[in-house]
Amino acid sequence: MPEVDRRPGRPRVFGVGLNKTATSSFHEAMTILGYESLHWGGPAIRRCVEEARAADEPLLARLDPRIDAFSDILALSVNYDLLDEQYPGSRFVLTLRPIDEWVDSRRRHVQNNLRRQARGEYDGSFLVVDEPAWRAEWLDHIARVRAHFAGRAHFLEIDISRDPRWAPLCTFLGLPEPAAPFPWVNRTQALHPIEDR
């Protein structure tokens, strides 16, 4: 596998799909391809990004500089335009899945959070099913991302749930395809409450 460029100003790879769009699989794929990939990271990572933005710093300024790829970090995903400006030459990947499957996956995630909260294992705020708001969020996000990157070579849309292959991602990144199968994290749990972020 080629050595990944670790210079501070190097291009990064940003997954700008919303959660529950096979972002865990994307993260695992990036790791296999040799990237130092960060997936989600919880409230602490979100705060780092938000504090950097509030201080008018580059969005990654307060994160580990070794990280090359990012996914399922909403504070980054919704600020793709700012990332595009701050990190020239970076690549952007919009992970997608059919909207009804996405809504159902989010619903199951909330139900699981409610069960975990009842056991004292969850103190987050993702506890309400709001399908109309989710659908509006989905449609708005997809439309804005597509409009921003229209016709640009450093943007890729992939639906890993429908086509889990190396070729689209590796061609986009200019890397050879690994011998290992494309990772489809949580594939066996597709019909169960806990699923890919």
Protein backbone atom coordinates (compact mmCIF):
# COMPACT_ATOMS: atom_id res chain seq x y z
CA MET A 1 0.00 0.00 0.00
CA PRO A 2 1.39 3.46 -0.85
CA GLU A 3 2.59 5.63 2.01
CA VAL A 4 0.00 8.26 2.95
CA ASP A 5 1.24 11.86 2.95
CA ARG A 6 1.37 13.04 6.59
CA ARG A 7 2.32 16.69 6.06
CA PRO A 8 0.11 19.11 8.05
CA GLY A 9 -1.29 20.81 4.95
CA ARG A 10 -1.89 17.63 2.97
CA PRO A 11 -5.25 16.79 1.40
CA ARG A 12 -7.62 14.76 3.54
CA VAL A 13 -10.61 12.54 2.74
CA PHE A 14 -13.89 13.69 4.22
CA GLY A 15 -16.94 11.45 4.40
CA VAL A 16 -19.80 13.95 4.25
CA GLY A 17 -22.72 11.53 4.36
CA LEU A 18 -25.09 11.66 7.32
CA ASN A 19 -24.91 9.00 10.01
CA LYS A 20 -26.49 5.62 9.18
CA THR A 21 -25.15 5.67 5.60
CA ALA A 22 -22.53 2.93 6.05
CA THR A 23 -20.09 5.38 7.57
CA SER A 24 -18.57 2.58 9.69
CA SER A 25 -17.87 0.62 6.51
CA PHE A 26 -16.36 3.72 4.89
CA HIS A 27 -14.15 4.24 7.95
CA GLU A 28 -12.97 0.62 7.88
CA ALA A 29 -12.26 0.87 4.14
CA MET A 30 -10.17 4.01 4.67
CA THR A 31 -8.21 2.24 7.41
CA ILE A 32 -7.51 -0.72 5.13
CA LEU A 33 -6.33 1.72 2.45
CA GLY A 34 -3.71 3.07 4.85
CA TYR A 35 -5.38 6.19 6.17
CA GLU A 36 -5.50 7.26 9.81
CA SER A 37 -9.28 7.42 9.92
CA LEU A 38 -11.53 8.96 12.56
CA HIS A 39 -15.13 7.78 12.79
CA TRP A 40 -17.61 9.69 14.97
CA GLY A 41 -15.50 10.24 18.09
CA GLY A 42 -18.41 11.37 20.26
CA PRO A 43 -19.23 14.73 21.82
CA ALA A 44 -15.56 15.54 22.54
CA ILE A 45 -14.67 15.53 18.83
CA ARG A 46 -17.77 17.55 17.97
CA ARG A 47 -16.80 20.15 20.58
CA CYS A 48 -13.25 20.38 19.18
CA VAL A 49 -14.61 21.16 15.72
CA GLU A 50 -17.22 23.60 17.01
CA GLU A 51 -14.68 25.42 19.19
CA ALA A 52 -12.27 25.72 16.27
CA ARG A 53 -15.01 27.20 14.13
CA ALA A 54 -16.05 29.64 16.88
CA ALA A 55 -12.41 30.76 17.20
CA ASP A 56 -12.17 31.24 13.42
CA GLU A 57 -9.58 28.47 13.16
CA PRO A 58 -9.48 25.73 10.52
CA LEU A 59 -12.02 23.08 11.49
CA LEU A 60 -9.38 20.40 12.10
CA ALA A 61 -7.08 22.68 14.11
CA ARG A 62 -7.89 21.05 17.44
CA LEU A 63 -7.85 17.43 16.24
CA ASP A 64 -4.95 15.01 16.02
CA PRO A 65 -2.95 16.18 12.96
CA ARG A 66 -2.16 12.58 11.98
CA ILE A 67 -5.77 11.95 10.97
CA ASP A 68 -6.24 11.71 7.20
CA ALA A 69 -9.88 10.62 6.86
CA PHE A 70 -13.07 11.56 8.68
CA SER A 71 -16.59 10.12 8.77
CA ASP A 72 -19.81 10.44 10.78
CA ILE A 73 -18.76 13.71 12.41
CA LEU A 74 -21.77 15.97 11.85
CA ALA A 75 -19.85 19.15 12.68
CA LEU A 76 -17.59 18.34 9.70
CA SER A 77 -20.20 16.82 7.38
CA VAL A 78 -22.42 19.90 7.42
CA ASN A 79 -19.45 22.24 6.95
CA TYR A 80 -18.17 20.56 3.77
CA ASP A 81 -17.97 23.92 2.00
CA LEU A 82 -15.67 25.34 4.67
CA LEU A 83 -13.54 22.18 4.63
CA ASP A 84 -13.31 22.48 0.85
CA GLU A 85 -11.95 26.01 1.27
CA GLN A 86 -9.65 25.30 4.23
CA TYR A 87 -8.14 22.03 2.95
CA PRO A 88 -7.52 22.47 -0.78
CA GLY A 89 -7.03 19.29 -2.77
CA SER A 90 -8.99 17.19 -0.30
CA ARG A 91 -11.49 14.57 -1.42
CA PHE A 92 -15.15 14.43 -0.41
CA VAL A 93 -17.26 11.27 -0.32
CA LEU A 94 -21.03 11.43 0.07
CA THR A 95 -22.21 8.09 1.41
CA LEU A 96 -25.84 7.38 0.64
CA ARG A 97 -28.52 4.74 1.08
CA PRO A 98 -32.23 4.65 0.19
CA ILE A 99 -34.01 7.20 2.35
CA ASP A 100 -36.62 4.79 3.75
CA GLU A 101 -33.86 2.44 4.93
CA TRP A 102 -32.01 5.40 6.42
CA VAL A 103 -35.09 6.58 8.36
CA ASP A 104 -35.74 3.04 9.60
CA SER A 105 -32.12 2.72 10.73
CA ARG A 106 -32.32 6.00 12.63
CA ARG A 107 -35.58 4.89 14.24
CA ARG A 108 -33.94 1.67 15.47
CA HIS A 109 -31.00 3.69 16.77
CA VAL A 110 -33.33 5.88 18.85
CA GLN A 111 -35.15 2.80 20.17
CA ASN A 112 -31.82 1.29 21.18
CA ASN A 113 -30.80 4.56 22.87
CA LEU A 114 -34.04 4.54 24.86
CA ARG A 115 -33.34 0.99 26.05
CA ARG A 116 -29.78 1.95 26.96
CA GLN A 117 -31.00 5.08 28.79
CA ALA A 118 -33.42 2.95 30.84
CA ARG A 119 -30.44 0.81 31.90
CA GLY A 120 -28.39 3.91 32.77
CA GLU A 121 -25.98 3.33 29.87
CA TYR A 122 -26.83 6.35 27.68
CA ASP A 123 -26.95 10.05 28.56
CA GLY A 124 -27.07 11.50 25.05
CA SER A 125 -29.90 13.40 23.41
CA PHE A 126 -30.74 11.23 20.36
CA LEU A 127 -34.00 9.99 21.92
CA VAL A 128 -36.85 11.24 19.71
CA VAL A 129 -38.12 9.79 16.45
CA ASP A 130 -38.99 12.68 14.12
CA GLU A 131 -39.41 11.19 10.67
CA PRO A 132 -40.62 14.37 8.90
CA ALA A 133 -37.67 16.38 10.24
CA TRP A 134 -35.23 13.58 9.36
CA ARG A 135 -36.52 13.37 5.80
CA ALA A 136 -36.23 17.15 5.42
CA GLU A 137 -32.69 17.03 6.83
CA TRP A 138 -31.74 14.26 4.39
CA LEU A 139 -33.15 15.97 1.31
CA ASP A 140 -31.64 19.34 2.23
CA HIS A 141 -28.20 17.90 2.99
CA ILE A 142 -28.00 15.82 -0.18
CA ALA A 143 -29.18 18.72 -2.36
CA ARG A 144 -26.71 21.20 -0.85
CA VAL A 145 -23.74 18.82 -1.06
CA ARG A 146 -24.53 17.92 -4.68
CA ALA A 147 -24.94 21.57 -5.63
CA HIS A 148 -21.64 22.56 -4.03
CA PHE A 149 -19.61 19.80 -5.67
CA ALA A 150 -21.43 19.63 -9.02
CA GLY A 151 -19.03 18.73 -11.83
CA ARG A 152 -15.98 18.64 -9.56
CA ALA A 153 -13.49 15.78 -9.75
CA HIS A 154 -12.71 15.66 -6.01
CA PHE A 155 -16.25 14.49 -5.12
CA LEU A 156 -17.72 10.97 -5.12
CA GLU A 157 -21.15 9.60 -4.25
CA ILE A 158 -21.32 5.96 -3.18
CA ASP A 159 -24.04 3.69 -1.84
CA ILE A 160 -22.11 1.00 0.00
CA SER A 161 -25.36 -0.72 1.00
CA ARG A 162 -26.12 -1.37 -2.68
CA ASP A 163 -22.62 -1.75 -4.15
CA PRO A 164 -19.93 -2.69 -1.59
CA ARG A 165 -16.92 -2.77 -3.95
CA TRP A 166 -13.43 -1.29 -3.83
CA ALA A 167 -13.36 -0.04 -7.41
CA PRO A 168 -15.29 3.26 -7.09
CA LEU A 169 -13.42 4.40 -3.98
CA CYS A 170 -9.97 3.23 -5.10
CA THR A 171 -10.36 4.78 -8.56
CA PHE A 172 -11.42 8.03 -6.92
CA LEU A 173 -8.42 8.01 -4.57
CA GLY A 174 -5.95 6.75 -7.15
CA LEU A 175 -5.07 3.67 -5.08
CA PRO A 176 -4.85 -0.01 -6.00
CA GLU A 177 -7.67 -2.26 -4.84
CA PRO A 178 -6.75 -4.33 -1.77
CA ALA A 179 -6.95 -8.11 -1.92
CA ALA A 180 -9.27 -8.11 1.11
CA PRO A 181 -13.03 -7.95 0.49
CA PHE A 182 -14.63 -4.54 0.85
CA PRO A 183 -15.66 -4.16 4.51
CA TRP A 184 -19.38 -4.12 5.12
CA VAL A 185 -19.52 -3.39 8.84
CA ASN A 186 -22.68 -4.55 10.63
CA ARG A 187 -23.94 -6.32 7.51
CA THR A 188 -25.18 -9.27 9.58
CA GLN A 189 -27.15 -6.89 11.79
CA ALA A 190 -29.10 -5.28 8.95
CA LEU A 191 -32.44 -6.33 10.42
CA HIS A 192 -31.53 -5.86 14.08
CA PRO A 193 -31.70 -2.83 16.40
CA ILE A 194 -27.97 -2.00 16.50
CA GLU A 195 -26.66 -1.02 13.11
CA ASP A 196 -23.95 0.89 11.30
CA ARG A 197 -23.66 4.51 12.37
